[in-house]
């Protein structure tokens, strides 16, 4: 039984488990498959990076700082994008973007913390 290359449909010569006729076809095939998912990952990672950089601009003293909601929004911060949530024993929720977290203190005030 002859097998065809998954990329160019040419007949494959060689090992029985071979899927591609050569390195160029293997690379082309995987680049096409990964580019579809890659766009979404790149978009989300870029937005997370923007959130991180905005939080990183907040002046921290001993790992803590305060910022207004308006200041975050004006810089393009997106509150629905974060990497993890930490809930304290008292019930407070810190939303983290990598190692920088924020906690809502009031209607317009947030505390930013750095996890060490």
C-alpha atoms as a PDB file:
ATOM      1  CA  UNK A   1       0.000   0.000   0.000  1.00  0.00           C
ATOM      2  CA  UNK A   2       1.434   3.342  -1.027  1.00  0.00           C
ATOM      3  CA  UNK A   3       1.255   6.224   1.413  1.00  0.00           C
ATOM      4  CA  UNK A   4       0.910   9.852   0.393  1.00  0.00           C
ATOM      5  CA  UNK A   5       2.633  12.875   1.917  1.00  0.00           C
ATOM      6  CA  UNK A   6       0.238  14.777   4.191  1.00  0.00           C
ATOM      7  CA  UNK A   7       1.365  18.056   2.645  1.00  0.00           C
ATOM      8  CA  UNK A   8       1.895  17.630  -1.100  1.00  0.00           C
ATOM      9  CA  UNK A   9       0.160  14.253  -1.668  1.00  0.00           C
ATOM     10  CA  UNK A  10       3.269  12.771  -3.365  1.00  0.00           C
ATOM     11  CA  UNK A  11       3.988   9.070  -2.914  1.00  0.00           C
ATOM     12  CA  UNK A  12       6.233   8.463   0.118  1.00  0.00           C
ATOM     13  CA  UNK A  13       9.276   6.235  -0.288  1.00  0.00           C
ATOM     14  CA  UNK A  14      11.020   4.944   2.818  1.00  0.00           C
ATOM     15  CA  UNK A  15       9.963   3.828   6.296  1.00  0.00           C
ATOM     16  CA  UNK A  16       6.443   2.518   6.775  1.00  0.00           C
ATOM     17  CA  UNK A  17       5.615   5.107   9.472  1.00  0.00           C
ATOM     18  CA  UNK A  18       6.816   8.078   7.436  1.00  0.00           C
ATOM     19  CA  UNK A  19       4.181  10.823   6.950  1.00  0.00           C
ATOM     20  CA  UNK A  20       6.001  13.377   4.807  1.00  0.00           C
ATOM     21  CA  UNK A  21       8.174  13.143   1.710  1.00  0.00           C
ATOM     22  CA  UNK A  22      10.786  15.467   3.192  1.00  0.00           C
ATOM     23  CA  UNK A  23      11.667  18.161   5.718  1.00  0.00           C
ATOM     24  CA  UNK A  24      10.195  20.981   3.628  1.00  0.00           C
ATOM     25  CA  UNK A  25       6.757  19.330   3.505  1.00  0.00           C
ATOM     26  CA  UNK A  26       6.901  18.442   7.209  1.00  0.00           C
ATOM     27  CA  UNK A  27       7.717  22.064   8.084  1.00  0.00           C
ATOM     28  CA  UNK A  28       5.042  23.482   5.735  1.00  0.00           C
ATOM     29  CA  UNK A  29       2.387  21.156   7.154  1.00  0.00           C
ATOM     30  CA  UNK A  30       3.143  21.975  10.796  1.00  0.00           C
ATOM     31  CA  UNK A  31       3.436  25.708  10.080  1.00  0.00           C
ATOM     32  CA  UNK A  32      -0.057  25.680   8.538  1.00  0.00           C
ATOM     33  CA  UNK A  33      -1.550  23.707  11.438  1.00  0.00           C
ATOM     34  CA  UNK A  34       0.138  25.802  14.128  1.00  0.00           C
ATOM     35  CA  UNK A  35      -0.549  29.174  12.510  1.00  0.00           C
ATOM     36  CA  UNK A  36      -4.289  28.817  13.083  1.00  0.00           C
ATOM     37  CA  UNK A  37      -3.894  28.213  16.829  1.00  0.00           C
ATOM     38  CA  UNK A  38      -0.843  30.435  17.055  1.00  0.00           C
ATOM     39  CA  UNK A  39      -2.768  33.604  16.196  1.00  0.00           C
ATOM     40  CA  UNK A  40      -5.067  33.177  19.175  1.00  0.00           C
ATOM     41  CA  UNK A  41      -2.183  32.401  21.544  1.00  0.00           C
ATOM     42  CA  UNK A  42      -0.157  35.369  20.289  1.00  0.00           C
ATOM     43  CA  UNK A  43      -3.136  37.717  20.682  1.00  0.00           C
ATOM     44  CA  UNK A  44      -3.876  36.594  24.256  1.00  0.00           C
ATOM     45  CA  UNK A  45      -0.191  36.618  25.242  1.00  0.00           C
ATOM     46  CA  UNK A  46       0.235  40.132  23.851  1.00  0.00           C
ATOM     47  CA  UNK A  47      -2.776  41.356  25.830  1.00  0.00           C
ATOM     48  CA  UNK A  48      -1.479  39.664  29.005  1.00  0.00           C
ATOM     49  CA  UNK A  49       1.902  41.274  28.395  1.00  0.00           C
ATOM     50  CA  UNK A  50       0.234  44.695  28.053  1.00  0.00           C
ATOM     51  CA  UNK A  51      -1.619  44.156  31.358  1.00  0.00           C
ATOM     52  CA  UNK A  52       1.643  43.098  33.009  1.00  0.00           C
ATOM     53  CA  UNK A  53       3.512  46.163  31.759  1.00  0.00           C
ATOM     54  CA  UNK A  54       0.723  48.454  32.985  1.00  0.00           C
ATOM     55  CA  UNK A  55       0.817  46.885  36.468  1.00  0.00           C
ATOM     56  CA  UNK A  56       4.608  47.039  36.425  1.00  0.00           C
ATOM     57  CA  UNK A  57       4.457  50.848  36.022  1.00  0.00           C
ATOM     58  CA  UNK A  58       2.789  51.203  39.428  1.00  0.00           C
ATOM     59  CA  UNK A  59       5.311  52.379  42.003  1.00  0.00           C
ATOM     60  CA  UNK A  60       5.711  49.631  44.601  1.00  0.00           C
ATOM     61  CA  UNK A  61       7.055  50.153  48.103  1.00  0.00           C
ATOM     62  CA  UNK A  62       7.978  46.901  49.841  1.00  0.00           C
ATOM     63  CA  UNK A  63       6.093  44.985  47.155  1.00  0.00           C
ATOM     64  CA  UNK A  64       2.842  46.981  47.360  1.00  0.00           C
ATOM     65  CA  UNK A  65       1.360  50.033  45.656  1.00  0.00           C
ATOM     66  CA  UNK A  66      -1.961  51.681  44.911  1.00  0.00           C
ATOM     67  CA  UNK A  67      -3.517  52.849  41.656  1.00  0.00           C
ATOM     68  CA  UNK A  68      -6.913  54.108  40.566  1.00  0.00           C
ATOM     69  CA  UNK A  69      -9.190  52.183  38.254  1.00  0.00           C
ATOM     70  CA  UNK A  70      -9.303  55.165  35.890  1.00  0.00           C
ATOM     71  CA  UNK A  71      -5.493  55.210  35.628  1.00  0.00           C
ATOM     72  CA  UNK A  72      -5.462  51.511  34.716  1.00  0.00           C
ATOM     73  CA  UNK A  73      -8.271  51.854  32.164  1.00  0.00           C
ATOM     74  CA  UNK A  74      -6.655  54.916  30.549  1.00  0.00           C
ATOM     75  CA  UNK A  75      -3.540  52.846  29.899  1.00  0.00           C
ATOM     76  CA  UNK A  76      -5.581  50.060  28.276  1.00  0.00           C
ATOM     77  CA  UNK A  77      -5.726  47.601  31.186  1.00  0.00           C
ATOM     78  CA  UNK A  78      -8.199  44.762  30.683  1.00  0.00           C
ATOM     79  CA  UNK A  79      -9.592  43.475  33.975  1.00  0.00           C
ATOM     80  CA  UNK A  80     -10.874  40.241  32.440  1.00  0.00           C
ATOM     81  CA  UNK A  81      -7.373  39.057  31.436  1.00  0.00           C
ATOM     82  CA  UNK A  82      -5.244  37.506  34.168  1.00  0.00           C
ATOM     83  CA  UNK A  83      -3.249  34.319  34.682  1.00  0.00           C
ATOM     84  CA  UNK A  84      -4.409  33.230  38.143  1.00  0.00           C
ATOM     85  CA  UNK A  85      -6.606  34.091  41.120  1.00  0.00           C
ATOM     86  CA  UNK A  86      -5.531  33.855  44.754  1.00  0.00           C
ATOM     87  CA  UNK A  87      -8.138  33.889  47.483  1.00  0.00           C
ATOM     88  CA  UNK A  88      -7.042  34.768  51.016  1.00  0.00           C
ATOM     89  CA  UNK A  89      -8.427  33.175  54.160  1.00  0.00           C
ATOM     90  CA  UNK A  90     -10.428  36.376  54.711  1.00  0.00           C
ATOM     91  CA  UNK A  91     -12.050  35.979  51.275  1.00  0.00           C
ATOM     92  CA  UNK A  92     -10.179  38.698  49.369  1.00  0.00           C
ATOM     93  CA  UNK A  93      -9.431  37.853  45.740  1.00  0.00           C
ATOM     94  CA  UNK A  94      -6.143  38.837  44.123  1.00  0.00           C
ATOM     95  CA  UNK A  95      -6.027  38.562  40.350  1.00  0.00           C
ATOM     96  CA  UNK A  96      -2.503  37.909  39.099  1.00  0.00           C
ATOM     97  CA  UNK A  97      -0.853  38.597  35.775  1.00  0.00           C
ATOM     98  CA  UNK A  98       2.183  36.374  36.182  1.00  0.00           C
ATOM     99  CA  UNK A  99       3.873  37.641  39.379  1.00  0.00           C
ATOM    100  CA  UNK A 100       1.993  40.957  39.673  1.00  0.00           C
ATOM    101  CA  UNK A 101      -1.424  40.931  41.310  1.00  0.00           C
ATOM    102  CA  UNK A 102      -4.153  43.439  42.005  1.00  0.00           C
ATOM    103  CA  UNK A 103      -6.850  43.627  44.669  1.00  0.00           C
ATOM    104  CA  UNK A 104      -9.927  45.840  44.507  1.00  0.00           C
ATOM    105  CA  UNK A 105      -9.906  48.093  47.573  1.00  0.00           C
ATOM    106  CA  UNK A 106     -12.875  50.288  46.694  1.00  0.00           C
ATOM    107  CA  UNK A 107     -14.950  51.443  43.755  1.00  0.00           C
ATOM    108  CA  UNK A 108     -11.992  53.222  42.148  1.00  0.00           C
ATOM    109  CA  UNK A 109      -8.904  52.003  43.997  1.00  0.00           C
ATOM    110  CA  UNK A 110      -6.712  48.944  43.512  1.00  0.00           C
ATOM    111  CA  UNK A 111      -3.708  47.640  45.370  1.00  0.00           C
ATOM    112  CA  UNK A 112      -0.950  46.123  43.264  1.00  0.00           C
ATOM    113  CA  UNK A 113       1.347  43.500  44.791  1.00  0.00           C
ATOM    114  CA  UNK A 114       4.389  41.598  43.615  1.00  0.00           C
ATOM    115  CA  UNK A 115       4.637  37.912  44.419  1.00  0.00           C
ATOM    116  CA  UNK A 116       8.180  36.921  45.356  1.00  0.00           C
END
